[in-house]
């Protein structure tokens, strides 16, 4: 049986559906807090427990000119404030082993980016913090191979592990989803998350930046819920066409409540049929 992972007041893997959502990157304190308030309201209306996400540094931009965020010190201060004031668990990425201990002081979930999902030192450093670790399966990785990444974290004694599917590279500037990956990843023994927004990303699709096709976010999320996942990962923004990164793949905040209600209803139906 897949173990449940407790993350503050939220439990991932207990048969429910958890939402991990927020903007791609932190753009400032006021914007992050407005986003947290809006996402929390949408999740609550759909009856979904929420883990708020945002990145303080997007170190893997397509080009040198890509916006990276507000930096670690300011970003962690903003995330810690959201965690304290909104009572929400928070998640952010790490890119270097030396950042993990400081990040663990401010957040509840440390996320390993897909492009770094085989980096042993990073996985071990994240595991040693004792925080929950969300490993994004690399776009280049077979679903069964992500078990090796999880084993690196588990070797530290930390068994608070989540595995996230975010699509597989298909030729150039394109990702596809093989929904057989979800049960295959769950066979590793950890809760599984489906990243609906990065799955519609078009890496480098705009030349010096990534593109995306946000109109496919909900169809893919519906398919993942029907197959069976423990959480959905959705990036959202109040004005995604003006967002500094990943705007084409993000769901407009105004559209999030209705989408979440439909996904929650589908999940309830799937549970009744199980």
Protein backbone atom coordinates (compact mmCIF):
# COMPACT_ATOMS: atom_id res chain seq x y z
CA UNK A 1 0.00 0.00 0.00
CA UNK A 2 1.28 3.47 -0.89
CA UNK A 3 2.18 5.37 2.30
CA UNK A 4 0.43 8.64 3.05
CA UNK A 5 2.64 11.69 3.54
CA UNK A 6 1.54 14.24 6.14
CA UNK A 7 2.48 17.82 5.25
CA UNK A 8 1.22 20.14 7.97
CA UNK A 9 -2.59 19.91 7.96
CA UNK A 10 -2.57 18.21 4.54
CA UNK A 11 -2.15 14.49 3.90
CA UNK A 12 -1.13 13.32 0.43
CA UNK A 13 -1.93 9.73 -0.40
CA UNK A 14 -4.89 9.04 1.87
CA UNK A 15 -7.40 8.54 -0.94
CA UNK A 16 -8.23 12.20 -1.35
CA UNK A 17 -7.12 14.70 -3.95
CA UNK A 18 -4.70 17.44 -2.91
CA UNK A 19 -3.98 20.59 -4.91
CA UNK A 20 -0.45 21.98 -5.23
CA UNK A 21 -0.84 25.38 -6.86
CA UNK A 22 0.53 28.87 -7.21
CA UNK A 23 2.48 31.03 -9.65
CA UNK A 24 5.58 29.84 -11.45
CA UNK A 25 7.84 32.28 -9.63
CA UNK A 26 7.62 34.78 -6.81
CA UNK A 27 7.28 38.26 -8.29
CA UNK A 28 7.09 40.16 -5.03
CA UNK A 29 5.47 40.00 -1.61
CA UNK A 30 2.16 41.62 -2.52
CA UNK A 31 1.66 39.55 -5.66
CA UNK A 32 2.54 36.29 -3.90
CA UNK A 33 0.08 37.02 -1.10
CA UNK A 34 -2.71 37.94 -3.54
CA UNK A 35 -2.06 34.70 -5.38
CA UNK A 36 -2.09 32.70 -2.15
CA UNK A 37 -5.41 34.27 -1.16
CA UNK A 38 -6.96 33.60 -4.58
CA UNK A 39 -5.71 30.03 -4.87
CA UNK A 40 -6.78 29.24 -1.30
CA UNK A 41 -10.30 30.52 -2.01
CA UNK A 42 -10.54 28.45 -5.20
CA UNK A 43 -9.28 25.29 -3.49
CA UNK A 44 -11.60 25.76 -0.53
CA UNK A 45 -14.64 26.23 -2.80
CA UNK A 46 -13.80 22.93 -4.51
CA UNK A 47 -13.15 21.15 -1.21
CA UNK A 48 -9.51 20.46 -2.03
CA UNK A 49 -6.68 20.68 0.52
CA UNK A 50 -3.98 23.07 -0.70
CA UNK A 51 -0.21 23.25 -0.71
CA UNK A 52 0.87 26.66 -2.04
CA UNK A 53 3.83 26.71 -4.43
CA UNK A 54 6.08 29.39 -5.86
CA UNK A 55 9.75 29.49 -6.81
CA UNK A 56 12.24 32.01 -5.45
CA UNK A 57 14.69 31.22 -8.25
CA UNK A 58 14.06 29.72 -11.68
CA UNK A 59 17.61 28.64 -12.37
CA UNK A 60 16.76 26.63 -15.50
CA UNK A 61 15.42 29.34 -17.80
CA UNK A 62 15.75 28.77 -21.54
CA UNK A 63 18.00 31.80 -22.07
CA UNK A 64 20.23 34.03 -19.98
CA UNK A 65 17.69 36.85 -20.32
CA UNK A 66 14.88 34.83 -18.69
CA UNK A 67 13.47 36.23 -15.44
CA UNK A 68 14.59 34.12 -12.48
CA UNK A 69 12.67 35.47 -9.50
CA UNK A 70 13.40 37.46 -6.35
CA UNK A 71 16.26 35.35 -5.00
CA UNK A 72 16.52 32.97 -2.08
CA UNK A 73 16.65 35.32 0.91
CA UNK A 74 13.69 37.47 -0.08
CA UNK A 75 11.77 34.55 -1.56
CA UNK A 76 12.03 32.42 1.57
CA UNK A 77 10.93 35.36 3.70
CA UNK A 78 7.83 35.76 1.52
CA UNK A 79 7.04 32.03 1.59
CA UNK A 80 7.49 31.85 5.36
CA UNK A 81 5.07 34.76 5.73
CA UNK A 82 2.44 33.04 3.59
CA UNK A 83 2.92 29.85 5.58
CA UNK A 84 2.42 31.68 8.89
CA UNK A 85 -0.32 34.13 7.92
CA UNK A 86 -2.46 31.88 5.69
CA UNK A 87 -1.88 28.61 7.55
CA UNK A 88 -0.89 26.91 4.31
CA UNK A 89 1.89 24.39 3.73
CA UNK A 90 4.28 25.79 1.11
CA UNK A 91 6.51 24.24 -1.55
CA UNK A 92 9.48 25.59 -3.48
CA UNK A 93 12.30 24.29 -5.69
CA UNK A 94 15.95 23.90 -4.83
CA UNK A 95 18.82 23.76 -7.31
CA UNK A 96 21.90 23.37 -5.11
CA UNK A 97 22.61 21.03 -2.18
CA UNK A 98 23.87 23.95 -0.09
CA UNK A 99 20.48 25.67 -0.24
CA UNK A 100 18.45 22.81 1.23
CA UNK A 101 18.95 23.47 4.94
CA UNK A 102 17.95 27.13 4.68
CA UNK A 103 14.98 26.33 2.46
CA UNK A 104 13.78 23.71 4.93
CA UNK A 105 13.46 26.39 7.61
CA UNK A 106 10.86 28.27 5.54
CA UNK A 107 8.87 25.63 3.65
CA UNK A 108 7.13 22.31 4.13
CA UNK A 109 8.01 20.64 0.81
CA UNK A 110 11.33 20.79 -1.02
CA UNK A 111 10.92 20.18 -4.73
CA UNK A 112 13.56 18.65 -6.97
CA UNK A 113 13.22 20.10 -10.51
CA UNK A 114 12.76 17.60 -13.32
CA UNK A 115 16.05 18.52 -14.97
CA UNK A 116 17.87 17.75 -11.70
CA UNK A 117 16.03 14.56 -10.79
CA UNK A 118 19.16 12.40 -11.06
CA UNK A 119 21.44 14.72 -9.08
CA UNK A 120 22.45 12.52 -6.16
CA UNK A 121 23.95 15.22 -3.92
CA UNK A 122 20.84 17.39 -4.28
CA UNK A 123 18.45 14.51 -3.55
CA UNK A 124 20.43 13.43 -0.50
CA UNK A 125 20.72 16.98 0.85
CA UNK A 126 16.96 17.48 0.46
CA UNK A 127 16.26 14.16 2.16
CA UNK A 128 18.46 15.00 5.12
CA UNK A 129 16.36 18.05 5.99
CA UNK A 130 13.45 15.80 7.02
CA UNK A 131 11.04 17.89 4.96
CA UNK A 132 8.77 16.24 2.44
CA UNK A 133 10.55 15.96 -0.91
CA UNK A 134 8.66 16.20 -4.20
CA UNK A 135 10.71 14.70 -7.03
CA UNK A 136 9.67 15.75 -10.50
CA UNK A 137 10.32 12.94 -12.96
CA UNK A 138 12.78 14.10 -15.59
CA UNK A 139 11.38 14.63 -19.08
CA UNK A 140 14.07 12.20 -20.20
CA UNK A 141 13.28 9.53 -17.60
CA UNK A 142 11.20 6.36 -17.87
CA UNK A 143 8.48 6.19 -15.18
CA UNK A 144 10.07 3.18 -13.48
CA UNK A 145 13.45 4.91 -13.27
CA UNK A 146 12.18 7.60 -10.91
CA UNK A 147 12.25 4.90 -8.21
CA UNK A 148 16.05 5.28 -8.16
CA UNK A 149 15.73 8.99 -7.39
CA UNK A 150 13.30 8.22 -4.57
CA UNK A 151 15.69 5.61 -3.19
CA UNK A 152 18.40 8.27 -2.87
CA UNK A 153 16.13 10.36 -0.65
CA UNK A 154 14.90 7.33 1.30
CA UNK A 155 18.51 6.31 1.99
CA UNK A 156 18.73 9.32 4.34
CA UNK A 157 15.91 7.85 6.46
CA UNK A 158 13.40 10.34 5.05
CA UNK A 159 10.37 8.54 3.69
CA UNK A 160 8.25 11.65 3.11
CA UNK A 161 8.50 11.42 -0.67
CA UNK A 162 6.19 12.47 -3.52
CA UNK A 163 6.73 11.63 -7.19
CA UNK A 164 5.48 13.99 -9.90
CA UNK A 165 4.79 13.24 -13.55
CA UNK A 166 5.23 16.25 -15.84
CA UNK A 167 5.42 14.81 -19.35
CA UNK A 168 8.07 13.18 -21.50
CA UNK A 169 10.18 14.75 -24.24
CA UNK A 170 8.80 14.01 -27.70
CA UNK A 171 11.04 15.31 -30.44
CA UNK A 172 11.87 19.00 -30.26
CA UNK A 173 10.01 21.58 -28.13
CA UNK A 174 7.26 19.12 -27.26
CA UNK A 175 6.13 17.00 -24.33
CA UNK A 176 3.61 14.16 -24.31
CA UNK A 177 1.91 12.22 -21.52
CA UNK A 178 1.75 8.47 -21.28
CA UNK A 179 -0.86 7.89 -18.59
CA UNK A 180 0.49 4.41 -17.99
CA UNK A 181 3.26 6.29 -16.19
CA UNK A 182 1.01 7.11 -13.23
CA UNK A 183 0.39 3.54 -11.99
CA UNK A 184 3.96 2.62 -12.93
CA UNK A 185 5.30 5.42 -10.76
CA UNK A 186 2.96 4.49 -7.93
CA UNK A 187 4.46 0.98 -8.05
CA UNK A 188 7.60 2.56 -6.55
CA UNK A 189 5.62 2.92 -3.32
CA UNK A 190 5.12 6.68 -3.02
CA UNK A 191 2.19 9.07 -3.57
CA UNK A 192 1.96 10.32 -7.16
CA UNK A 193 1.31 13.88 -8.33
CA UNK A 194 0.32 14.95 -11.84
CA UNK A 195 1.72 18.27 -13.03
CA UNK A 196 -0.96 19.44 -15.45
CA UNK A 197 0.67 22.74 -16.42
CA UNK A 198 4.25 21.70 -17.11
CA UNK A 199 2.82 18.81 -19.12
CA UNK A 200 1.52 21.35 -21.66
CA UNK A 201 4.77 23.32 -21.73
CA UNK A 202 6.66 23.62 -25.01
CA UNK A 203 10.30 23.78 -23.85
CA UNK A 204 12.13 26.46 -25.79
CA UNK A 205 9.08 26.75 -28.02
CA UNK A 206 9.36 30.54 -28.29
CA UNK A 207 13.03 30.56 -29.21
CA UNK A 208 14.43 32.24 -26.10
CA UNK A 209 11.59 31.11 -23.83
CA UNK A 210 9.21 28.19 -23.36
CA UNK A 211 5.77 28.17 -24.88
CA UNK A 212 2.72 26.22 -23.87
CA UNK A 213 -0.87 25.29 -24.62
CA UNK A 214 -2.91 26.02 -21.52
CA UNK A 215 -6.15 24.91 -23.20
CA UNK A 216 -5.01 21.33 -22.63
CA UNK A 217 -4.40 21.68 -18.89
CA UNK A 218 -7.88 20.62 -17.83
CA UNK A 219 -8.23 17.71 -20.30
CA UNK A 220 -4.93 16.25 -19.10
CA UNK A 221 -5.83 16.85 -15.46
CA UNK A 222 -9.14 15.06 -16.00
CA UNK A 223 -7.34 12.09 -17.52
CA UNK A 224 -4.92 11.94 -14.59
CA UNK A 225 -7.75 12.06 -12.04
CA UNK A 226 -9.55 9.28 -13.91
CA UNK A 227 -6.43 7.10 -13.92
CA UNK A 228 -5.76 7.90 -10.26
CA UNK A 229 -3.43 10.40 -8.60
CA UNK A 230 -2.96 11.68 -5.07
CA UNK A 231 -2.43 15.32 -6.01
CA UNK A 232 -2.63 17.74 -8.90
CA UNK A 233 0.07 20.34 -9.52
CA UNK A 234 -1.26 23.46 -11.28
CA UNK A 235 0.54 26.72 -11.89
CA UNK A 236 -1.76 29.72 -12.03
CA UNK A 237 -1.45 33.48 -12.40
CA UNK A 238 -3.79 36.45 -12.31
CA UNK A 239 -2.41 37.67 -15.67
CA UNK A 240 -0.50 34.77 -17.23
CA UNK A 241 0.08 36.49 -20.56
CA UNK A 242 2.19 39.06 -18.70
CA UNK A 243 3.87 36.60 -16.33
CA UNK A 244 7.69 36.60 -16.30
CA UNK A 245 7.92 32.83 -16.90
CA UNK A 246 5.77 29.93 -18.13
CA UNK A 247 2.78 32.17 -18.82
CA UNK A 248 1.54 30.18 -21.84
CA UNK A 249 1.18 27.06 -19.70
CA UNK A 250 -0.40 28.66 -16.62
CA UNK A 251 -4.13 28.67 -15.85
CA UNK A 252 -5.66 32.14 -15.40
CA UNK A 253 -6.59 32.56 -11.75
CA UNK A 254 -10.10 33.62 -12.77
CA UNK A 255 -10.61 30.23 -14.46
CA UNK A 256 -9.22 28.16 -11.60
CA UNK A 257 -12.34 27.85 -9.36
CA UNK A 258 -14.60 26.35 -12.03
CA UNK A 259 -11.84 23.99 -13.23
CA UNK A 260 -11.18 22.76 -9.70
CA UNK A 261 -14.86 22.15 -9.03
CA UNK A 262 -15.08 19.97 -12.14
CA UNK A 263 -11.94 18.03 -11.22
CA UNK A 264 -13.13 17.51 -7.64
CA UNK A 265 -16.48 16.20 -8.92
CA UNK A 266 -14.68 13.82 -11.25
CA UNK A 267 -12.48 12.59 -8.42
CA UNK A 268 -15.53 11.92 -6.26
CA UNK A 269 -17.08 9.92 -9.09
CA UNK A 270 -13.91 7.88 -9.59
CA UNK A 271 -13.76 7.08 -5.87
CA UNK A 272 -17.36 5.87 -5.88
CA UNK A 273 -16.57 3.51 -8.75
CA UNK A 274 -13.37 2.19 -7.23
